[in-house]
Amino acid sequence: RQAIKSKVKNQVMDGLLATNPIEVPKALLSNEVDRLRVQAVQQFGGNIKPDQLPAELFEEQAKRRVVLGLIVAEVVKQFDLKPDEARVREMIQEMASAYQEP
């Protein structure tokens, strides 16, 4: 079930990217590359500093994340979307149930 949700979400995001070409501000791209570098070092361990990892490894993913963040933020703003607290709680409980000690 989660795999299907994830696949649908990725398809929607791919569609948003394809239909909304955006010039990515360099500062946002650079910040996201830095975040991804730090995340990679934390995830895989290692005794290297994040800035030792080549930026090119992360640029495509960083660009995708920045563009999607900008698009989704604009959609939320334009349609004045607000989270449904009950739905949020339900999703948190569903995610927590996957762990032995929620």
Protein backbone atom coordinates (compact mmCIF):
# COMPACT_ATOMS: atom_id res chain seq x y z
CA ARG A 1 0.00 0.00 0.00
CA GLN A 2 2.78 2.43 0.92
CA ALA A 3 4.67 1.51 -2.25
CA ILE A 4 1.64 2.39 -4.36
CA LYS A 5 1.21 5.73 -2.55
CA SER A 6 4.88 6.48 -3.08
CA LYS A 7 4.72 5.61 -6.77
CA VAL A 8 1.65 7.80 -7.31
CA LYS A 9 3.26 10.66 -5.39
CA ASN A 10 6.41 10.42 -7.53
CA GLN A 11 4.32 10.42 -10.71
CA VAL A 12 2.44 13.52 -9.56
CA MET A 13 5.70 15.27 -8.66
CA ASP A 14 7.20 14.30 -12.03
CA GLY A 15 4.14 15.80 -13.71
CA LEU A 16 4.49 19.01 -11.72
CA LEU A 17 8.15 19.25 -12.73
CA ALA A 18 7.39 18.62 -16.39
CA THR A 19 4.62 21.22 -16.61
CA ASN A 20 6.23 23.93 -14.47
CA PRO A 21 9.75 24.72 -15.63
CA ILE A 22 11.39 27.01 -13.09
CA GLU A 23 14.78 28.67 -13.03
CA VAL A 24 16.33 27.53 -9.75
CA PRO A 25 17.91 30.29 -7.66
CA LYS A 26 21.60 29.42 -7.18
CA ALA A 27 21.50 30.15 -3.44
CA LEU A 28 18.64 27.70 -2.89
CA LEU A 29 20.37 25.07 -5.00
CA SER A 30 23.64 25.52 -3.13
CA ASN A 31 21.90 25.26 0.26
CA GLU A 32 20.11 22.08 -0.78
CA VAL A 33 23.34 20.53 -2.12
CA ASP A 34 24.94 21.27 1.26
CA ARG A 35 22.01 19.64 3.09
CA LEU A 36 22.27 16.55 0.90
CA ARG A 37 26.03 16.32 1.50
CA VAL A 38 25.53 16.44 5.27
CA GLN A 39 22.75 13.88 5.02
CA ALA A 40 24.95 11.53 2.97
CA VAL A 41 27.80 11.71 5.49
CA GLN A 42 25.39 11.07 8.38
CA GLN A 43 23.65 8.23 6.60
CA PHE A 44 26.73 6.37 5.43
CA GLY A 45 29.11 7.40 8.15
CA GLY A 46 32.66 8.06 7.32
CA ASN A 47 35.40 10.32 8.45
CA ILE A 48 35.04 12.95 5.78
CA LYS A 49 33.65 16.43 5.85
CA PRO A 50 30.49 17.00 3.82
CA ASP A 51 32.18 19.60 1.62
CA GLN A 52 34.67 16.95 0.47
CA LEU A 53 31.87 15.24 -1.47
CA PRO A 54 31.57 16.62 -5.01
CA ALA A 55 28.58 18.93 -5.45
CA GLU A 56 27.87 17.34 -8.84
CA LEU A 57 26.75 14.16 -7.08
CA PHE A 58 23.83 16.01 -5.53
CA GLU A 59 22.89 18.73 -8.02
CA GLU A 60 20.09 16.87 -9.84
CA GLN A 61 18.42 15.72 -6.64
CA ALA A 62 18.87 19.17 -5.07
CA LYS A 63 17.34 20.86 -8.11
CA ARG A 64 14.35 18.53 -8.03
CA ARG A 65 13.79 19.12 -4.32
CA VAL A 66 14.08 22.90 -4.60
CA VAL A 67 11.78 23.16 -7.62
CA LEU A 68 9.17 20.87 -6.07
CA GLY A 69 9.37 22.80 -2.80
CA LEU A 70 8.73 26.07 -4.62
CA ILE A 71 5.85 24.62 -6.67
CA VAL A 72 4.15 22.98 -3.69
CA ALA A 73 4.54 26.12 -1.57
CA GLU A 74 2.89 28.16 -4.32
CA VAL A 75 0.02 25.67 -4.66
CA VAL A 76 -0.55 25.76 -0.89
CA LYS A 77 -0.52 29.57 -0.95
CA GLN A 78 -2.79 29.98 -3.99
CA PHE A 79 -5.40 27.52 -2.74
CA ASP A 80 -5.03 28.50 0.94
CA LEU A 81 -4.56 24.84 1.88
CA LYS A 82 -4.56 23.94 5.56
CA PRO A 83 -3.70 20.58 7.15
CA ASP A 84 -6.49 18.46 8.61
CA GLU A 85 -5.35 17.77 12.18
CA ALA A 86 -7.19 14.46 12.44
CA ARG A 87 -5.64 13.25 9.18
CA VAL A 88 -2.16 14.35 10.31
CA ARG A 89 -2.57 12.45 13.60
CA GLU A 90 -3.77 9.39 11.69
CA MET A 91 -0.75 9.49 9.38
CA ILE A 92 1.66 9.88 12.31
CA GLN A 93 0.10 6.90 14.08
CA GLU A 94 0.30 4.85 10.90
CA MET A 95 3.99 5.70 10.47
CA ALA A 96 4.75 5.08 14.16
CA SER A 97 3.10 1.66 14.06
CA ALA A 98 5.84 0.51 11.69
CA TYR A 99 8.35 0.81 14.55
CA GLN A 100 8.64 -1.56 17.52
CA GLU A 101 8.65 1.30 20.03
CA PRO A 102 6.47 4.12 18.62
